[in-house]
Protein backbone atom coordinates (compact mmCIF):
# COMPACT_ATOMS: atom_id res chain seq x y z
CA MET A 1 173.09 -72.57 -56.10
CA ILE A 2 171.10 -74.90 -58.31
CA ILE A 3 168.06 -74.31 -60.46
CA PHE A 4 166.26 -77.16 -62.18
CA ALA A 5 164.44 -76.13 -65.33
CA ILE A 6 163.02 -79.38 -66.64
CA LYS A 7 161.42 -78.50 -69.94
CA ASN A 8 159.21 -81.57 -70.17
CA LYS A 9 158.98 -85.20 -69.20
CA LEU A 10 157.10 -86.49 -72.22
CA PRO A 11 158.32 -89.58 -74.08
CA ASN A 12 160.53 -88.95 -77.11
CA MET A 13 161.24 -85.34 -76.18
CA ALA A 14 164.38 -83.71 -74.78
CA ASN A 15 164.58 -82.65 -71.15
CA ILE A 16 166.68 -79.77 -69.88
CA ALA A 17 168.25 -79.50 -66.44
CA SER A 18 169.75 -76.09 -65.67
CA PHE A 19 172.30 -75.46 -62.91
CA THR A 20 173.47 -72.00 -61.85
CA PHE A 21 177.14 -72.23 -60.89
CA SER A 22 180.21 -70.18 -59.89
CA PRO A 23 180.57 -66.57 -58.71
CA PHE A 24 179.47 -65.54 -62.23
CA GLN A 25 176.08 -67.27 -61.80
CA GLU A 26 176.48 -69.12 -65.09
CA ASN A 27 173.90 -71.57 -66.38
CA THR A 28 175.18 -75.07 -67.04
CA TYR A 29 172.87 -77.34 -69.03
CA VAL A 30 172.42 -81.09 -69.03
CA ILE A 31 170.12 -82.16 -71.86
CA TYR A 32 168.84 -85.72 -72.09
CA ASP A 33 166.11 -87.82 -73.65
CA GLU A 34 164.45 -91.19 -73.20
CA THR A 35 167.61 -93.05 -74.25
CA LYS A 36 169.31 -91.72 -71.08
CA GLU A 37 172.14 -90.33 -73.17
CA CYS A 38 172.93 -86.72 -72.29
CA ILE A 39 175.15 -83.84 -73.31
CA ILE A 40 176.71 -81.29 -70.97
CA ILE A 41 176.81 -77.74 -72.31
CA ASP A 42 179.03 -75.06 -70.74
CA PRO A 43 179.98 -76.75 -67.46
CA GLY A 44 180.52 -73.85 -65.08
CA CYS A 45 180.91 -75.92 -61.90
CA TYR A 46 183.60 -74.08 -59.96
CA ASP A 47 184.22 -76.03 -56.76
CA SER A 48 183.79 -79.53 -55.35
CA GLN A 49 180.29 -78.83 -54.07
CA GLU A 50 179.08 -77.73 -57.50
CA ARG A 51 180.81 -80.67 -59.17
CA ASN A 52 179.04 -83.03 -56.79
CA ILE A 53 175.68 -81.44 -57.60
CA LEU A 54 176.26 -82.08 -61.29
CA VAL A 55 177.54 -85.63 -60.83
CA ASN A 56 174.76 -86.56 -58.42
CA PHE A 57 172.07 -85.34 -60.78
CA ILE A 58 173.52 -87.40 -63.62
CA ALA A 59 173.83 -90.49 -61.44
CA GLU A 60 170.40 -90.17 -59.81
CA ASN A 61 168.76 -89.97 -63.24
CA ASN A 62 170.84 -92.85 -64.66
CA LEU A 63 172.20 -90.64 -67.42
CA ARG A 64 175.16 -91.36 -69.65
CA PRO A 65 177.11 -88.25 -70.76
CA VAL A 66 178.24 -88.62 -74.36
CA ARG A 67 179.29 -85.09 -75.37
CA LEU A 68 180.93 -82.05 -73.73
CA VAL A 69 180.12 -78.84 -75.58
CA ASN A 70 180.96 -75.15 -75.14
CA THR A 71 178.82 -72.47 -76.74
CA HIS A 72 181.88 -70.26 -76.26
CA CYS A 73 184.98 -70.35 -74.09
CA HIS A 74 184.86 -67.45 -71.64
CA ILE A 75 186.04 -68.52 -68.19
CA ASP A 76 182.60 -68.78 -66.59
CA HIS A 77 181.55 -71.33 -69.21
CA VAL A 78 184.67 -73.51 -68.95
CA PHE A 79 185.35 -73.80 -65.20
CA GLY A 80 184.19 -77.42 -65.29
CA ASN A 81 185.64 -78.47 -68.63
CA ALA A 82 188.61 -80.34 -67.18
CA PHE A 83 186.52 -82.08 -64.51
CA VAL A 84 183.76 -83.21 -66.88
CA ALA A 85 186.21 -84.33 -69.56
CA LYS A 86 188.11 -86.49 -67.07
CA LYS A 87 185.08 -87.78 -65.18
CA TYR A 88 183.21 -88.97 -68.26
CA ASN A 89 186.10 -89.42 -70.73
CA LEU A 90 184.75 -86.83 -73.16
CA LYS A 91 186.40 -84.67 -75.79
CA LEU A 92 185.72 -80.94 -75.75
CA GLU A 93 183.62 -79.69 -78.66
CA ALA A 94 183.33 -76.05 -79.79
CA HIS A 95 184.01 -73.81 -82.77
CA LYS A 96 187.64 -73.57 -83.84
CA GLY A 97 187.41 -69.78 -83.58
CA GLU A 98 187.09 -70.11 -79.79
CA GLU A 99 190.59 -71.57 -79.39
CA ILE A 100 192.06 -68.12 -78.78
CA VAL A 101 189.44 -67.41 -76.13
CA LEU A 102 190.07 -70.72 -74.37
CA ALA A 103 193.82 -70.08 -74.42
CA ALA A 104 193.27 -66.82 -72.52
CA ALA A 105 190.91 -68.31 -69.94
CA GLU A 106 193.51 -69.00 -67.24
CA ILE A 107 194.88 -65.47 -67.48
CA ALA A 108 191.36 -64.09 -67.24
CA ALA A 109 190.69 -66.23 -64.17
CA LYS A 110 193.78 -64.85 -62.44
CA MET A 111 192.57 -61.31 -63.14
CA TYR A 112 189.42 -62.11 -61.19
CA GLY A 113 191.36 -63.87 -58.42
CA LEU A 114 189.81 -67.22 -59.31
CA LYS A 115 191.26 -70.66 -59.93
CA LEU A 116 190.78 -72.48 -63.21
CA GLU A 117 191.90 -76.04 -63.78
CA HIS A 118 193.50 -76.18 -67.21
CA SER A 119 190.84 -76.99 -69.77
CA PRO A 120 191.46 -79.63 -72.41
CA ASP A 121 191.92 -78.30 -75.91
CA ILE A 122 189.03 -78.30 -78.34
CA GLU A 123 189.30 -81.65 -80.08
CA VAL A 124 186.05 -81.67 -82.04
CA PHE A 125 185.38 -78.57 -84.11
CA LEU A 126 181.73 -77.70 -84.64
CA GLU A 127 180.55 -75.68 -87.63
CA GLU A 128 177.31 -74.01 -88.67
CA GLY A 129 175.25 -76.22 -90.91
CA GLU A 130 176.25 -79.36 -89.06
CA THR A 131 174.03 -81.17 -86.60
CA LEU A 132 174.78 -82.03 -82.99
CA ARG A 133 173.27 -85.40 -82.11
CA PHE A 134 172.85 -87.58 -79.05
CA GLY A 135 170.31 -90.29 -78.31
CA ASN A 136 167.22 -89.46 -80.37
CA THR A 137 167.79 -85.69 -80.17
CA THR A 138 169.18 -83.44 -82.89
CA PHE A 139 170.38 -79.83 -82.70
CA GLN A 140 170.99 -77.50 -85.61
CA ILE A 141 174.27 -75.62 -85.08
CA LEU A 142 174.05 -71.84 -85.56
CA PHE A 143 177.07 -69.52 -85.82
CA THR A 144 176.25 -66.56 -83.56
CA PRO A 145 179.37 -64.44 -82.95
CA GLY A 146 179.47 -60.99 -81.40
CA HIS A 147 179.73 -61.69 -77.68
CA SER A 148 182.74 -63.84 -78.48
CA PRO A 149 184.52 -64.43 -81.79
CA ALA A 150 182.88 -67.75 -82.65
CA SER A 151 179.98 -68.41 -80.30
CA LEU A 152 177.57 -71.17 -81.30
CA SER A 153 173.88 -71.63 -80.52
CA PHE A 154 172.13 -75.00 -80.62
CA PHE A 155 168.56 -75.19 -81.92
CA CYS A 156 166.28 -78.18 -81.33
CA ARG A 157 163.61 -77.73 -83.96
CA GLU A 158 161.47 -80.65 -82.81
CA ASP A 159 161.17 -79.40 -79.23
CA LYS A 160 161.32 -75.68 -80.10
CA PHE A 161 164.17 -74.46 -77.92
CA VAL A 162 167.62 -73.01 -78.41
CA ILE A 163 170.68 -73.02 -76.16
CA ALA A 164 172.01 -69.54 -76.89
CA GLY A 165 175.00 -69.06 -74.60
CA ASP A 166 175.58 -65.36 -73.92
CA VAL A 167 174.08 -64.12 -77.18
CA LEU A 168 170.54 -63.25 -76.06
CA PHE A 169 169.17 -62.78 -72.55
CA ARG A 170 165.76 -61.90 -71.16
CA GLN A 171 165.43 -58.20 -72.02
CA SER A 172 169.15 -57.93 -72.73
CA ILE A 173 172.04 -59.17 -74.86
CA GLY A 174 175.58 -60.38 -74.26
CA ARG A 175 178.26 -57.85 -73.47
CA THR A 176 180.49 -56.88 -76.38
CA ASP A 177 183.35 -55.10 -74.62
CA LEU A 178 185.48 -58.21 -74.14
CA PRO A 179 188.24 -59.14 -76.63
CA GLY A 180 186.67 -60.40 -79.83
CA GLY A 181 183.28 -58.88 -79.04
CA ASN A 182 181.45 -56.60 -81.46
CA PHE A 183 178.04 -55.00 -80.96
CA ASP A 184 177.05 -54.86 -84.63
CA THR A 185 178.10 -58.47 -85.16
CA LEU A 186 176.11 -59.59 -82.14
CA MET A 187 172.97 -57.77 -83.26
CA LYS A 188 173.31 -59.31 -86.71
CA SER A 189 173.57 -62.77 -85.14
CA ILE A 190 170.42 -62.19 -83.13
CA ARG A 191 168.40 -60.75 -86.00
CA GLU A 192 169.55 -63.17 -88.70
CA LYS A 193 170.01 -66.41 -86.74
CA LEU A 194 167.80 -66.36 -83.63
CA LEU A 195 164.75 -64.24 -84.44
CA PRO A 196 163.84 -66.29 -87.55
CA LEU A 197 163.55 -69.43 -85.39
CA GLY A 198 160.02 -68.42 -84.42
CA ASP A 199 158.27 -66.60 -81.59
CA GLU A 200 157.32 -69.82 -79.79
CA VAL A 201 160.94 -70.96 -79.45
CA GLN A 202 162.20 -70.99 -75.87
CA VAL A 203 165.64 -69.48 -75.28
CA PHE A 204 167.96 -70.92 -72.63
CA SER A 205 170.74 -68.42 -71.99
CA GLY A 206 174.11 -68.53 -70.28
CA HIS A 207 172.87 -66.40 -67.41
CA GLY A 208 169.47 -65.60 -65.92
CA GLU A 209 166.06 -67.08 -66.58
CA SER A 210 164.83 -68.50 -69.85
CA THR A 211 162.75 -66.49 -72.29
CA THR A 212 161.18 -66.84 -75.73
CA ILE A 213 161.96 -65.34 -79.10
CA GLY A 214 158.50 -63.77 -79.17
CA TYR A 215 158.91 -62.12 -75.77
CA GLU A 216 162.28 -60.67 -76.72
CA ARG A 217 161.02 -59.41 -80.06
CA VAL A 218 158.48 -57.25 -78.22
CA ASN A 219 160.23 -56.48 -74.92
CA ASN A 220 163.98 -56.49 -75.46
CA PRO A 221 165.11 -52.83 -75.70
CA PHE A 222 167.99 -53.80 -77.99
CA LEU A 223 165.49 -55.20 -80.49
CA THR A 224 162.71 -52.64 -80.17
CA GLY A 225 164.88 -49.56 -80.64
CA ARG A 226 164.36 -48.33 -77.09
CA TYR A 227 168.02 -48.79 -76.26
CA THR A 228 170.63 -46.35 -77.56
CA LEU A 229 174.40 -46.50 -77.11
C-alpha cells in the first residue's frame, strides 16, 4: 500500500512523500527539496514490491538520496535499512542509544514470523542540538525517548513540520510496553519537546495519518487528561 502526502510543491520548500509499508503499516518518508537531494527516514519496505515502489518514486522524480535516517530502530522502521543502504551507498544514522534496539531487531522479527535482512550498524550518531541537513533543508534534532530508549524527532522550523516517529500519533501516543519504553518519559518528551514547537506545526508520525500540534493539544486524550491508565 502506498500513500503520497506531498506537503507542498513551492520553490525553496521541502516536500514530503509518505509510503505505508509492511504488515505493520509503517510510514516511510522521503523528504526532498528543489536541489533534488533527498533523505529517507525509517525505510519500512518489507518485500520486493515495496522496494520497487520506493525506488521508482525516487527515480521518477530524479531524486538523489544522500542520507538514511532512523527515528528509532524497532523492526517495522528498519525493514528496508539494508536495501536502502546498499542501493544508494548510504550510512545508517540514528542515536547511539538505539544500538541495543537495532541489535534485537532480528530476534523480534522471528517472534512475529517475519524476515529481516540484517541491518547495517549505526555509523553516524545523531544527537539533540545538532542539525540534520540536506540540499537547502535543515532539521533540528530533538531527543524524544519513551517509546524507545533514544528516539529522535526531526523538526523543520522553516516549513513548520516534524517527523516524530512513534512518539505522537493522531489522538494517541506510542506504546510504552516494549523493552526500553516508559510512559512517563514519553509524556515528558511530548510535553517538553513537541508541544512547544507551536500549534501550527504539522506532525508526520510513524503510523497513521498526519496531524498538528494544535489538534493534539485539544483532542489527544493523553494530553487533555481524558485518558487514565
